[in-house]
Amino acid sequence: MSEIIKAIIIGIVEGITEWLPVSSTGHMILAKEFIHFDLSPEFSSMFLVVIQLAAILAVVIVFFEKLNPFYGRKSTRQKRETFQLWGKVIIGCIPAAALGIPLNDWFEQFETPQVVAATLIIYGVIFIVMEYFYRNKSFDVNNTVRLSYKTALLIGCFQCLALIPGTSRSGATILGAMLLGVSRPAAAEFSFFLSAPVMFGASLIRVLKFIMSGAVMTAVEVQVLIVGCVVSFIVSLAAIKFLMGYVKKHSFALFGYYRIIVGIAVIAYFVLLK
């Protein structure tokens, strides 16, 4: 299998799982088990994080109008609401930044099949249980405009749970938002906004580590990185649009069952078979 084909496959996995509440880390662990780059270990590690930058760009494109205060002919009120949204995003990112930046290396030690399988299953069960109790519930906050700064900060605290591998950044923030009275569509949308700065920061840290290590990318590695990013971007666009349409009519229970199945698969392969 050529390195370009490997990059395409991993880009597809990243693009789908980064935004759906199913844990991209869990899927990446499985992908890395069966797909090995014949490239430097430093590049392979950096590649898996940097393709997230393409996924971030997809969020910016999909929600460009909502995130850009100067887009089109927005009224003064609409511009103010957009600036307020950015304020909520910044506040929501504070907990993850405060905890994740100094403890990033420490949390990486938990990126094991056992931990990932456990979090996949645990949060899968939580999704199913929550949807059972929330199936007929009406939510107080139905869009990000009505989201308060306090609620944004609390949702950001829930995002910290995603520092544990296998949790899913979008899954943690969506669950937390729903517990705080935010509707599924608004919760999913705000989780995308919160994820972008955090993912950008994580990618930047990994790139700096790669540069500081003295490593230099070969021509093949540059091609692999570009292909991976392009595929991740295109697939992310589709995944984001799918989820936003899905949650308007359906619950997250299906993702809960899927997480449990993947968690069991991880246990079966890494613990029982390997």
C-alpha atoms as a PDB file:
ATOM      1  CA  MET A   1       0.000   0.000   0.000  1.00  0.00           C
ATOM      2  CA  SER A   2       1.486   3.339  -1.027  1.00  0.00           C
ATOM      3  CA  GLU A   3       1.978   6.149   1.465  1.00  0.00           C
ATOM      4  CA  ILE A   4      -0.534   8.327  -0.409  1.00  0.00           C
ATOM      5  CA  ILE A   5      -3.282   5.697  -0.113  1.00  0.00           C
ATOM      6  CA  LYS A   6      -2.503   5.368   3.610  1.00  0.00           C
ATOM      7  CA  ALA A   7      -2.830   9.147   3.973  1.00  0.00           C
ATOM      8  CA  ILE A   8      -6.196   9.058   2.192  1.00  0.00           C
ATOM      9  CA  ILE A   9      -7.550   6.325   4.477  1.00  0.00           C
ATOM     10  CA  ILE A  10      -6.376   8.050   7.651  1.00  0.00           C
ATOM     11  CA  GLY A  11      -7.707  11.383   6.374  1.00  0.00           C
ATOM     12  CA  ILE A  12     -11.128   9.797   5.898  1.00  0.00           C
ATOM     13  CA  VAL A  13     -11.083   8.321   9.402  1.00  0.00           C
ATOM     14  CA  GLU A  14     -10.030  11.657  10.906  1.00  0.00           C
ATOM     15  CA  GLY A  15     -12.586  13.659   8.957  1.00  0.00           C
ATOM     16  CA  ILE A  16     -15.481  11.443  10.037  1.00  0.00           C
ATOM     17  CA  THR A  17     -14.598  10.724  13.640  1.00  0.00           C
ATOM     18  CA  GLU A  18     -13.248  14.125  14.708  1.00  0.00           C
ATOM     19  CA  TRP A  19     -16.679  15.735  14.607  1.00  0.00           C
ATOM     20  CA  LEU A  20     -19.027  12.871  15.342  1.00  0.00           C
ATOM     21  CA  PRO A  21     -19.214  11.975  19.078  1.00  0.00           C
ATOM     22  CA  VAL A  22     -17.451   8.635  18.578  1.00  0.00           C
ATOM     23  CA  SER A  23     -13.832   9.457  19.554  1.00  0.00           C
ATOM     24  CA  SER A  24     -11.276  10.076  16.824  1.00  0.00           C
ATOM     25  CA  THR A  25      -8.529   8.820  19.169  1.00  0.00           C
ATOM     26  CA  GLY A  26     -10.138   5.398  19.472  1.00  0.00           C
ATOM     27  CA  HIS A  27     -10.460   5.067  15.733  1.00  0.00           C
ATOM     28  CA  MET A  28      -6.938   6.355  15.148  1.00  0.00           C
ATOM     29  CA  ILE A  29      -5.532   3.707  17.476  1.00  0.00           C
ATOM     30  CA  LEU A  30      -7.240   1.048  15.372  1.00  0.00           C
ATOM     31  CA  ALA A  31      -6.128   2.723  12.135  1.00  0.00           C
ATOM     32  CA  LYS A  32      -2.495   2.935  13.292  1.00  0.00           C
ATOM     33  CA  GLU A  33      -2.574  -0.768  14.169  1.00  0.00           C
ATOM     34  CA  PHE A  34      -3.321  -1.756  10.600  1.00  0.00           C
ATOM     35  CA  ILE A  35      -1.824   1.159   8.664  1.00  0.00           C
ATOM     36  CA  HIS A  36       1.846   1.937   9.184  1.00  0.00           C
ATOM     37  CA  PHE A  37       3.649   4.749   7.413  1.00  0.00           C
ATOM     38  CA  ASP A  38       7.063   3.768   6.061  1.00  0.00           C
ATOM     39  CA  LEU A  39       8.219   7.193   7.126  1.00  0.00           C
ATOM     40  CA  SER A  40       9.955   8.670  10.157  1.00  0.00           C
ATOM     41  CA  PRO A  41       8.225   8.134  13.534  1.00  0.00           C
ATOM     42  CA  GLU A  42       8.414  11.904  14.193  1.00  0.00           C
ATOM     43  CA  PHE A  43       6.530  12.667  10.986  1.00  0.00           C
ATOM     44  CA  SER A  44       3.932   9.939  11.547  1.00  0.00           C
ATOM     45  CA  SER A  45       3.160  11.304  15.014  1.00  0.00           C
ATOM     46  CA  MET A  46       2.974  14.875  13.750  1.00  0.00           C
ATOM     47  CA  PHE A  47       0.825  13.903  10.752  1.00  0.00           C
ATOM     48  CA  LEU A  48      -1.976  12.504  12.913  1.00  0.00           C
ATOM     49  CA  VAL A  49      -2.315  15.826  14.725  1.00  0.00           C
ATOM     50  CA  VAL A  50      -1.707  18.282  11.896  1.00  0.00           C
ATOM     51  CA  ILE A  51      -4.471  16.862   9.682  1.00  0.00           C
ATOM     52  CA  GLN A  52      -6.772  18.205  12.390  1.00  0.00           C
ATOM     53  CA  LEU A  53      -5.947  21.684  11.062  1.00  0.00           C
ATOM     54  CA  ALA A  54      -7.774  20.770   7.870  1.00  0.00           C
ATOM     55  CA  ALA A  55     -10.729  19.627   9.934  1.00  0.00           C
ATOM     56  CA  ILE A  56     -10.720  22.995  11.732  1.00  0.00           C
ATOM     57  CA  LEU A  57     -10.827  24.782   8.381  1.00  0.00           C
ATOM     58  CA  ALA A  58     -13.961  22.806   7.539  1.00  0.00           C
ATOM     59  CA  VAL A  59     -15.707  24.257  10.616  1.00  0.00           C
ATOM     60  CA  VAL A  60     -14.717  27.766   9.570  1.00  0.00           C
ATOM     61  CA  ILE A  61     -16.113  27.197   6.066  1.00  0.00           C
ATOM     62  CA  VAL A  62     -19.412  25.626   7.181  1.00  0.00           C
ATOM     63  CA  PHE A  63     -20.096  28.308   9.792  1.00  0.00           C
ATOM     64  CA  PHE A  64     -18.347  31.196   8.035  1.00  0.00           C
ATOM     65  CA  GLU A  65     -21.424  33.415   8.031  1.00  0.00           C
ATOM     66  CA  LYS A  66     -22.160  32.807  11.703  1.00  0.00           C
ATOM     67  CA  LEU A  67     -18.542  33.292  12.800  1.00  0.00           C
ATOM     68  CA  ASN A  68     -17.788  36.371  10.663  1.00  0.00           C
ATOM     69  CA  PRO A  69     -19.312  39.563  12.119  1.00  0.00           C
ATOM     70  CA  PHE A  70     -18.715  41.429   8.875  1.00  0.00           C
ATOM     71  CA  TYR A  71     -20.160  38.854   6.486  1.00  0.00           C
ATOM     72  CA  GLY A  72     -22.953  40.078   4.199  1.00  0.00           C
ATOM     73  CA  ARG A  73     -25.268  42.766   5.464  1.00  0.00           C
ATOM     74  CA  LYS A  74     -25.460  41.947   9.126  1.00  0.00           C
ATOM     75  CA  SER A  75     -27.348  44.374  11.287  1.00  0.00           C
ATOM     76  CA  THR A  76     -25.752  46.008  14.320  1.00  0.00           C
ATOM     77  CA  ARG A  77     -27.540  43.499  16.547  1.00  0.00           C
ATOM     78  CA  GLN A  78     -26.298  40.545  14.478  1.00  0.00           C
ATOM     79  CA  LYS A  79     -22.730  41.852  14.555  1.00  0.00           C
ATOM     80  CA  ARG A  80     -22.964  42.243  18.333  1.00  0.00           C
ATOM     81  CA  GLU A  81     -24.273  38.692  18.681  1.00  0.00           C
ATOM     82  CA  THR A  82     -21.368  37.380  16.579  1.00  0.00           C
ATOM     83  CA  PHE A  83     -18.806  39.169  18.730  1.00  0.00           C
ATOM     84  CA  GLN A  84     -20.576  37.821  21.811  1.00  0.00           C
ATOM     85  CA  LEU A  85     -20.383  34.306  20.331  1.00  0.00           C
ATOM     86  CA  TRP A  86     -16.626  34.668  19.963  1.00  0.00           C
ATOM     87  CA  GLY A  87     -16.473  35.845  23.574  1.00  0.00           C
ATOM     88  CA  LYS A  88     -18.334  32.733  24.682  1.00  0.00           C
ATOM     89  CA  VAL A  89     -15.996  30.525  22.653  1.00  0.00           C
ATOM     90  CA  ILE A  90     -12.926  32.158  24.219  1.00  0.00           C
ATOM     91  CA  ILE A  91     -14.339  31.740  27.721  1.00  0.00           C
ATOM     92  CA  GLY A  92     -15.321  28.153  26.963  1.00  0.00           C
ATOM     93  CA  CYS A  93     -11.765  27.352  25.847  1.00  0.00           C
ATOM     94  CA  ILE A  94     -10.137  28.610  29.057  1.00  0.00           C
ATOM     95  CA  PRO A  95     -10.607  25.403  31.132  1.00  0.00           C
ATOM     96  CA  ALA A  96      -9.166  23.106  28.445  1.00  0.00           C
ATOM     97  CA  ALA A  97      -6.242  25.461  27.814  1.00  0.00           C
ATOM     98  CA  ALA A  98      -5.494  25.850  31.527  1.00  0.00           C
ATOM     99  CA  LEU A  99      -5.502  22.098  32.078  1.00  0.00           C
ATOM    100  CA  GLY A 100      -4.384  20.773  28.707  1.00  0.00           C
ATOM    101  CA  ILE A 101      -1.320  22.900  27.972  1.00  0.00           C
ATOM    102  CA  PRO A 102       0.658  22.077  31.142  1.00  0.00           C
ATOM    103  CA  LEU A 103      -0.580  18.472  31.357  1.00  0.00           C
ATOM    104  CA  ASN A 104      -0.636  17.536  27.669  1.00  0.00           C
ATOM    105  CA  ASP A 105       2.321  15.140  27.887  1.00  0.00           C
ATOM    106  CA  TRP A 106       0.975  13.590  31.099  1.00  0.00           C
ATOM    107  CA  PHE A 107      -2.407  12.801  29.534  1.00  0.00           C
ATOM    108  CA  GLU A 108      -0.726  11.208  26.496  1.00  0.00           C
ATOM    109  CA  GLN A 109       0.407   8.300  28.676  1.00  0.00           C
ATOM    110  CA  PHE A 110      -3.239   7.208  28.935  1.00  0.00           C
ATOM    111  CA  GLU A 111      -3.511   6.740  25.174  1.00  0.00           C
ATOM    112  CA  THR A 112      -3.705   2.974  25.516  1.00  0.00           C
ATOM    113  CA  PRO A 113      -6.234   0.502  24.060  1.00  0.00           C
ATOM    114  CA  GLN A 114      -7.523  -0.311  27.544  1.00  0.00           C
ATOM    115  CA  VAL A 115      -8.247   3.311  28.469  1.00  0.00           C
ATOM    116  CA  VAL A 116      -9.726   4.122  25.067  1.00  0.00           C
ATOM    117  CA  ALA A 117     -11.989   1.048  25.140  1.00  0.00           C
ATOM    118  CA  ALA A 118     -13.200   1.914  28.636  1.00  0.00           C
ATOM    119  CA  THR A 119     -14.047   5.524  27.773  1.00  0.00           C
ATOM    120  CA  LEU A 120     -15.700   4.497  24.510  1.00  0.00           C
ATOM    121  CA  ILE A 121     -18.024   2.137  26.350  1.00  0.00           C
ATOM    122  CA  ILE A 122     -18.642   4.341  29.396  1.00  0.00           C
ATOM    123  CA  TYR A 123     -19.638   7.376  27.360  1.00  0.00           C
ATOM    124  CA  GLY A 124     -21.604   5.189  24.991  1.00  0.00           C
ATOM    125  CA  VAL A 125     -23.715   4.025  27.915  1.00  0.00           C
ATOM    126  CA  ILE A 126     -24.067   7.624  29.147  1.00  0.00           C
ATOM    127  CA  PHE A 127     -25.323   8.729  25.736  1.00  0.00           C
ATOM    128  CA  ILE A 128     -27.972   5.993  25.707  1.00  0.00           C
ATOM    129  CA  VAL A 129     -29.082   6.646  29.291  1.00  0.00           C
ATOM    130  CA  MET A 130     -29.235  10.410  28.773  1.00  0.00           C
ATOM    131  CA  GLU A 131     -31.269  10.094  25.619  1.00  0.00           C
ATOM    132  CA  TYR A 132     -33.700   7.797  27.437  1.00  0.00           C
ATOM    133  CA  PHE A 133     -34.377  10.419  30.100  1.00  0.00           C
ATOM    134  CA  TYR A 134     -34.168  13.403  27.725  1.00  0.00           C
ATOM    135  CA  ARG A 135     -36.269  11.970  24.877  1.00  0.00           C
ATOM    136  CA  ASN A 136     -39.266  14.215  25.616  1.00  0.00           C
ATOM    137  CA  LYS A 137     -37.426  17.076  27.311  1.00  0.00           C
ATOM    138  CA  SER A 138     -37.722  20.649  26.093  1.00  0.00           C
ATOM    139  CA  PHE A 139     -34.496  22.646  26.342  1.00  0.00           C
ATOM    140  CA  ASP A 140     -34.164  26.223  27.582  1.00  0.00           C
ATOM    141  CA  VAL A 141     -31.403  27.139  25.117  1.00  0.00           C
ATOM    142  CA  ASN A 142     -32.170  26.368  21.479  1.00  0.00           C
ATOM    143  CA  ASN A 143     -29.414  28.352  19.768  1.00  0.00           C
ATOM    144  CA  THR A 144     -25.946  29.692  20.540  1.00  0.00           C
ATOM    145  CA  VAL A 145     -27.249  33.276  20.752  1.00  0.00           C
ATOM    146  CA  ARG A 146     -29.158  32.427  23.926  1.00  0.00           C
ATOM    147  CA  LEU A 147     -26.145  30.714  25.452  1.00  0.00           C
ATOM    148  CA  SER A 148     -24.903  32.608  28.526  1.00  0.00           C
ATOM    149  CA  TYR A 149     -21.236  33.196  29.311  1.00  0.00           C
ATOM    150  CA  LYS A 150     -21.608  31.102  32.461  1.00  0.00           C
ATOM    151  CA  THR A 151     -23.029  28.177  30.509  1.00  0.00           C
ATOM    152  CA  ALA A 152     -20.239  28.529  27.921  1.00  0.00           C
ATOM    153  CA  LEU A 153     -17.641  28.299  30.705  1.00  0.00           C
ATOM    154  CA  LEU A 154     -19.322  25.239  32.209  1.00  0.00           C
ATOM    155  CA  ILE A 155     -19.461  23.540  28.806  1.00  0.00           C
ATOM    156  CA  GLY A 156     -15.753  24.304  28.519  1.00  0.00           C
ATOM    157  CA  CYS A 157     -15.209  22.472  31.803  1.00  0.00           C
ATOM    158  CA  PHE A 158     -16.920  19.409  30.332  1.00  0.00           C
ATOM    159  CA  GLN A 159     -14.589  19.671  27.337  1.00  0.00           C
ATOM    160  CA  CYS A 160     -11.695  18.978  29.713  1.00  0.00           C
ATOM    161  CA  LEU A 161     -12.968  15.409  29.990  1.00  0.00           C
ATOM    162  CA  ALA A 162     -11.819  14.940  26.389  1.00  0.00           C
ATOM    163  CA  LEU A 163      -8.206  15.129  27.585  1.00  0.00           C
ATOM    164  CA  ILE A 164      -8.726  11.492  28.541  1.00  0.00           C
ATOM    165  CA  PRO A 165      -8.191   9.499  25.317  1.00  0.00           C
ATOM    166  CA  GLY A 166     -11.296   7.887  23.863  1.00  0.00           C
ATOM    167  CA  THR A 167     -13.736  10.349  25.415  1.00  0.00           C
ATOM    168  CA  SER A 168     -14.446  12.411  22.254  1.00  0.00           C
ATOM    169  CA  ARG A 169     -14.209  16.176  22.414  1.00  0.00           C
ATOM    170  CA  SER A 170     -17.567  16.703  20.728  1.00  0.00           C
ATOM    171  CA  GLY A 171     -19.135  13.941  22.824  1.00  0.00           C
ATOM    172  CA  ALA A 172     -18.032  15.475  26.125  1.00  0.00           C
ATOM    173  CA  THR A 173     -19.150  18.990  25.209  1.00  0.00           C
ATOM    174  CA  ILE A 174     -22.484  17.843  23.768  1.00  0.00           C
ATOM    175  CA  LEU A 175     -23.312  15.770  26.839  1.00  0.00           C
ATOM    176  CA  GLY A 176     -22.311  18.632  29.123  1.00  0.00           C
ATOM    177  CA  ALA A 177     -24.336  21.157  27.144  1.00  0.00           C
ATOM    178  CA  MET A 178     -27.438  18.971  27.234  1.00  0.00           C
ATOM    179  CA  LEU A 179     -27.102  18.563  30.996  1.00  0.00           C
ATOM    180  CA  LEU A 180     -27.009  22.371  31.200  1.00  0.00           C
ATOM    181  CA  GLY A 181     -30.239  22.719  29.230  1.00  0.00           C
ATOM    182  CA  VAL A 182     -28.861  23.271  25.713  1.00  0.00           C
ATOM    183  CA  SER A 183     -30.669  21.626  22.786  1.00  0.00           C
ATOM    184  CA  ARG A 184     -28.932  18.990  20.657  1.00  0.00           C
ATOM    185  CA  PRO A 185     -28.389  21.210  17.557  1.00  0.00           C
ATOM    186  CA  ALA A 186     -27.094  24.138  19.644  1.00  0.00           C
ATOM    187  CA  ALA A 187     -24.912  21.790  21.706  1.00  0.00           C
ATOM    188  CA  ALA A 188     -23.392  20.220  18.587  1.00  0.00           C
ATOM    189  CA  GLU A 189     -22.788  23.600  16.975  1.00  0.00           C
ATOM    190  CA  PHE A 190     -21.111  25.111  20.031  1.00  0.00           C
ATOM    191  CA  SER A 191     -18.998  21.982  20.465  1.00  0.00           C
ATOM    192  CA  PHE A 192     -17.615  22.592  16.956  1.00  0.00           C
ATOM    193  CA  PHE A 193     -16.774  26.197  17.828  1.00  0.00           C
ATOM    194  CA  LEU A 194     -15.042  25.160  21.055  1.00  0.00           C
ATOM    195  CA  SER A 195     -13.081  22.389  19.392  1.00  0.00           C
ATOM    196  CA  ALA A 196     -11.498  24.589  16.742  1.00  0.00           C
ATOM    197  CA  PRO A 197      -9.205  26.700  19.005  1.00  0.00           C
ATOM    198  CA  VAL A 198      -8.291  23.699  21.171  1.00  0.00           C
ATOM    199  CA  MET A 199      -7.435  21.531  18.162  1.00  0.00           C
ATOM    200  CA  PHE A 200      -5.467  24.373  16.599  1.00  0.00           C
ATOM    201  CA  GLY A 201      -3.456  24.749  19.808  1.00  0.00           C
ATOM    202  CA  ALA A 202      -2.761  21.008  20.018  1.00  0.00           C
ATOM    203  CA  SER A 203      -1.676  20.915  16.379  1.00  0.00           C
ATOM    204  CA  LEU A 204       0.572  23.942  16.836  1.00  0.00           C
ATOM    205  CA  ILE A 205       2.267  22.368  19.872  1.00  0.00           C
ATOM    206  CA  ARG A 206       2.934  19.158  17.917  1.00  0.00           C
ATOM    207  CA  VAL A 207       4.350  21.080  14.936  1.00  0.00           C
ATOM    208  CA  LEU A 208       6.643  23.063  17.228  1.00  0.00           C
ATOM    209  CA  LYS A 209       7.854  19.825  18.833  1.00  0.00           C
ATOM    210  CA  PHE A 210       8.554  18.418  15.368  1.00  0.00           C
ATOM    211  CA  ILE A 211      10.518  21.517  14.355  1.00  0.00           C
ATOM    212  CA  MET A 212      12.418  21.707  17.644  1.00  0.00           C
ATOM    213  CA  SER A 213      13.430  18.060  17.287  1.00  0.00           C
ATOM    214  CA  GLY A 214      15.431  19.104  14.227  1.00  0.00           C
ATOM    215  CA  ALA A 215      13.438  16.841  11.916  1.00  0.00           C
ATOM    216  CA  VAL A 216      12.987  17.884   8.293  1.00  0.00           C
ATOM    217  CA  MET A 217      10.217  16.600   6.057  1.00  0.00           C
ATOM    218  CA  THR A 218      11.163  14.790   2.884  1.00  0.00           C
ATOM    219  CA  ALA A 219       9.397  15.446  -0.445  1.00  0.00           C
ATOM    220  CA  VAL A 220       7.315  12.293   0.055  1.00  0.00           C
ATOM    221  CA  GLU A 221       6.308  13.352   3.555  1.00  0.00           C
ATOM    222  CA  VAL A 222       5.193  16.764   2.280  1.00  0.00           C
ATOM    223  CA  GLN A 223       3.007  15.068  -0.334  1.00  0.00           C
ATOM    224  CA  VAL A 224       1.547  12.694   2.256  1.00  0.00           C
ATOM    225  CA  LEU A 225       0.756  15.581   4.604  1.00  0.00           C
ATOM    226  CA  ILE A 226      -0.954  17.610   1.873  1.00  0.00           C
ATOM    227  CA  VAL A 227      -3.075  14.667   0.733  1.00  0.00           C
ATOM    228  CA  GLY A 228      -4.059  13.805   4.299  1.00  0.00           C
ATOM    229  CA  CYS A 229      -5.099  17.391   5.003  1.00  0.00           C
ATOM    230  CA  VAL A 230      -7.137  17.734   1.795  1.00  0.00           C
ATOM    231  CA  VAL A 231      -9.002  14.482   2.424  1.00  0.00           C
ATOM    232  CA  SER A 232      -9.576  15.347   6.081  1.00  0.00           C
ATOM    233  CA  PHE A 233     -10.979  18.743   5.051  1.00  0.00           C
ATOM    234  CA  ILE A 234     -13.399  17.368   2.455  1.00  0.00           C
ATOM    235  CA  VAL A 235     -14.655  14.554   4.680  1.00  0.00           C
ATOM    236  CA  SER A 236     -14.988  16.924   7.650  1.00  0.00           C
ATOM    237  CA  LEU A 237     -17.257  19.171   5.603  1.00  0.00           C
ATOM    238  CA  ALA A 238     -19.557  16.222   4.949  1.00  0.00           C
ATOM    239  CA  ALA A 239     -19.424  14.968   8.561  1.00  0.00           C
ATOM    240  CA  ILE A 240     -20.281  18.365  10.064  1.00  0.00           C
ATOM    241  CA  LYS A 241     -23.196  18.923   7.706  1.00  0.00           C
ATOM    242  CA  PHE A 242     -24.442  15.391   8.356  1.00  0.00           C
ATOM    243  CA  LEU A 243     -24.371  15.761  12.136  1.00  0.00           C
ATOM    244  CA  MET A 244     -26.104  19.145  12.102  1.00  0.00           C
ATOM    245  CA  GLY A 245     -28.878  17.702   9.963  1.00  0.00           C
ATOM    246  CA  TYR A 246     -29.071  14.452  11.930  1.00  0.00           C
ATOM    247  CA  VAL A 247     -29.490  15.976  15.396  1.00  0.00           C
ATOM    248  CA  LYS A 248     -32.443  18.081  14.299  1.00  0.00           C
ATOM    249  CA  LYS A 249     -34.545  14.919  13.938  1.00  0.00           C
ATOM    250  CA  HIS A 250     -32.714  12.208  15.868  1.00  0.00           C
ATOM    251  CA  SER A 251     -31.111  11.576  19.256  1.00  0.00           C
ATOM    252  CA  PHE A 252     -27.486  10.657  20.021  1.00  0.00           C
ATOM    253  CA  ALA A 253     -28.436   7.142  21.148  1.00  0.00           C
ATOM    254  CA  LEU A 254     -27.197   5.614  17.882  1.00  0.00           C
ATOM    255  CA  PHE A 255     -23.717   7.012  18.538  1.00  0.00           C
ATOM    256  CA  GLY A 256     -23.885   5.512  22.026  1.00  0.00           C
ATOM    257  CA  TYR A 257     -24.483   2.018  20.636  1.00  0.00           C
ATOM    258  CA  TYR A 258     -21.770   2.529  18.054  1.00  0.00           C
ATOM    259  CA  ARG A 259     -19.261   3.577  20.733  1.00  0.00           C
ATOM    260  CA  ILE A 260     -19.999   0.448  22.747  1.00  0.00           C
ATOM    261  CA  ILE A 261     -19.475  -1.763  19.685  1.00  0.00           C
ATOM    262  CA  VAL A 262     -16.148  -0.076  18.856  1.00  0.00           C
ATOM    263  CA  GLY A 263     -15.065  -0.284  22.506  1.00  0.00           C
ATOM    264  CA  ILE A 264     -15.760  -4.001  22.572  1.00  0.00           C
ATOM    265  CA  ALA A 265     -13.880  -4.391  19.277  1.00  0.00           C
ATOM    266  CA  VAL A 266     -10.850  -2.615  20.772  1.00  0.00           C
ATOM    267  CA  ILE A 267     -10.914  -4.899  23.819  1.00  0.00           C
ATOM    268  CA  ALA A 268     -11.366  -7.997  21.675  1.00  0.00           C
ATOM    269  CA  TYR A 269      -8.448  -7.177  19.415  1.00  0.00           C
ATOM    270  CA  PHE A 270      -5.891  -5.601  21.752  1.00  0.00           C
ATOM    271  CA  VAL A 271      -6.634  -7.457  24.987  1.00  0.00           C
ATOM    272  CA  LEU A 272      -7.985 -10.848  23.958  1.00  0.00           C
ATOM    273  CA  LEU A 273      -6.570 -11.574  20.517  1.00  0.00           C
ATOM    274  CA  LYS A 274      -3.280  -9.761  20.377  1.00  0.00           C
END
